[in-house]
């Protein structure tokens, strides 16, 4: 049992994740006729109960990645490009969460 709050980024099976990326790269190399994404992006969502916690996680990721934090009204992020692939760490502002919740509040009302 943990004695404190959960870290902003929980440990994952990094070896498995990297192995999966290598398998995907080899699969695409071996099968060049299979469509590949036009503008692929891997996104990591900053965890945190509050905007300052999420912001701190994105700032820490930017420090580790050697990148800048990009501030928008509804979110903040940092990203690093590897050729056409973007690796992003992204966090929502409180305004962004409120707008998302407002949009989602209509989900059960609209039927197509």
Protein backbone atom coordinates (compact mmCIF):
# COMPACT_ATOMS: atom_id res chain seq x y z
CA UNK A 1 0.00 0.00 0.00
CA UNK A 2 1.25 3.46 -0.89
CA UNK A 3 2.07 5.93 1.87
CA UNK A 4 1.56 9.04 -0.27
CA UNK A 5 -0.14 10.40 -3.35
CA UNK A 6 0.24 8.59 -6.63
CA UNK A 7 3.11 9.86 -8.78
CA UNK A 8 2.27 12.06 -11.76
CA UNK A 9 3.39 9.28 -14.11
CA UNK A 10 2.90 5.78 -12.85
CA UNK A 11 5.58 3.25 -13.75
CA UNK A 12 4.66 1.05 -16.70
CA UNK A 13 6.20 -1.90 -18.50
CA UNK A 14 8.71 0.28 -20.34
CA UNK A 15 10.60 -2.70 -21.73
CA UNK A 16 7.35 -4.13 -23.13
CA UNK A 17 6.33 -0.76 -24.59
CA UNK A 18 9.69 -0.29 -26.32
CA UNK A 19 9.63 -3.89 -27.57
CA UNK A 20 6.17 -3.27 -29.02
CA UNK A 21 7.39 -0.16 -30.84
CA UNK A 22 10.26 -2.17 -32.30
CA UNK A 23 7.85 -4.93 -33.38
CA UNK A 24 5.62 -2.35 -35.04
CA UNK A 25 8.61 -0.79 -36.85
CA UNK A 26 9.73 -4.20 -38.08
CA UNK A 27 6.18 -5.12 -39.15
CA UNK A 28 5.86 -1.92 -41.19
CA UNK A 29 9.32 -2.49 -42.69
CA UNK A 30 8.42 -6.05 -43.64
CA UNK A 31 5.00 -5.02 -45.02
CA UNK A 32 5.52 -1.72 -46.88
CA UNK A 33 2.08 -1.88 -48.56
CA UNK A 34 0.26 -1.61 -45.24
CA UNK A 35 -0.89 1.96 -44.63
CA UNK A 36 0.94 3.85 -41.92
CA UNK A 37 -0.38 6.90 -40.06
CA UNK A 38 0.07 10.23 -41.82
CA UNK A 39 0.90 12.21 -38.66
CA UNK A 40 1.33 9.73 -35.79
CA UNK A 41 1.42 10.98 -32.23
CA UNK A 42 1.93 9.19 -28.94
CA UNK A 43 0.29 11.03 -26.06
CA UNK A 44 0.92 10.62 -22.37
CA UNK A 45 -1.72 12.31 -20.23
CA UNK A 46 -0.40 13.94 -17.07
CA UNK A 47 -2.08 12.59 -13.96
CA UNK A 48 -3.11 14.79 -11.12
CA UNK A 49 -6.17 15.85 -9.19
CA UNK A 50 -5.42 19.53 -9.69
CA UNK A 51 -4.17 21.74 -12.47
CA UNK A 52 -0.94 22.55 -10.57
CA UNK A 53 -0.20 18.81 -10.19
CA UNK A 54 -0.81 18.19 -13.90
CA UNK A 55 1.24 21.25 -14.85
CA UNK A 56 4.14 20.11 -12.63
CA UNK A 57 4.09 16.71 -14.35
CA UNK A 58 4.29 18.31 -17.80
CA UNK A 59 7.06 20.67 -16.67
CA UNK A 60 9.04 17.72 -15.27
CA UNK A 61 8.57 15.79 -18.52
CA UNK A 62 9.80 18.82 -20.48
CA UNK A 63 12.90 18.94 -18.31
CA UNK A 64 13.55 15.24 -18.92
CA UNK A 65 12.91 15.56 -22.66
CA UNK A 66 14.88 18.79 -23.11
CA UNK A 67 11.82 20.53 -24.54
CA UNK A 68 9.68 23.58 -23.79
CA UNK A 69 6.18 23.65 -22.32
CA UNK A 70 3.56 24.96 -24.75
CA UNK A 71 0.76 26.83 -22.97
CA UNK A 72 -2.76 27.07 -24.39
CA UNK A 73 -5.98 28.28 -22.80
CA UNK A 74 -7.35 24.79 -22.28
CA UNK A 75 -4.18 22.68 -22.03
CA UNK A 76 -0.41 22.63 -21.73
CA UNK A 77 1.95 20.17 -23.32
CA UNK A 78 5.48 19.37 -24.26
CA UNK A 79 6.49 17.41 -27.30
CA UNK A 80 9.47 15.99 -29.07
CA UNK A 81 9.51 14.85 -32.67
CA UNK A 82 11.19 11.75 -34.01
CA UNK A 83 10.91 12.23 -37.74
CA UNK A 84 7.18 12.49 -38.43
CA UNK A 85 6.25 10.99 -35.05
CA UNK A 86 5.40 13.27 -32.12
CA UNK A 87 5.77 12.13 -28.51
CA UNK A 88 3.65 14.39 -26.30
CA UNK A 89 3.01 14.81 -22.60
CA UNK A 90 -0.27 16.67 -22.24
CA UNK A 91 -2.25 18.13 -19.36
CA UNK A 92 -5.61 19.86 -19.22
CA UNK A 93 -6.26 23.15 -17.48
CA UNK A 94 -9.27 23.44 -15.20
CA UNK A 95 -10.94 25.46 -17.97
CA UNK A 96 -10.26 22.61 -20.40
CA UNK A 97 -11.81 20.07 -18.04
CA UNK A 98 -14.88 22.27 -17.50
CA UNK A 99 -15.39 22.71 -21.24
CA UNK A 100 -14.96 18.98 -21.84
CA UNK A 101 -17.49 18.16 -19.12
CA UNK A 102 -19.94 20.70 -20.58
CA UNK A 103 -19.65 19.17 -24.05
CA UNK A 104 -20.04 15.64 -22.67
CA UNK A 105 -23.15 16.62 -20.68
CA UNK A 106 -25.16 16.39 -23.91
CA UNK A 107 -23.98 12.89 -24.86
CA UNK A 108 -27.11 11.12 -23.62
CA UNK A 109 -29.40 13.76 -25.17
CA UNK A 110 -28.31 13.55 -28.78
CA UNK A 111 -29.34 10.54 -30.85
CA UNK A 112 -28.34 10.02 -34.48
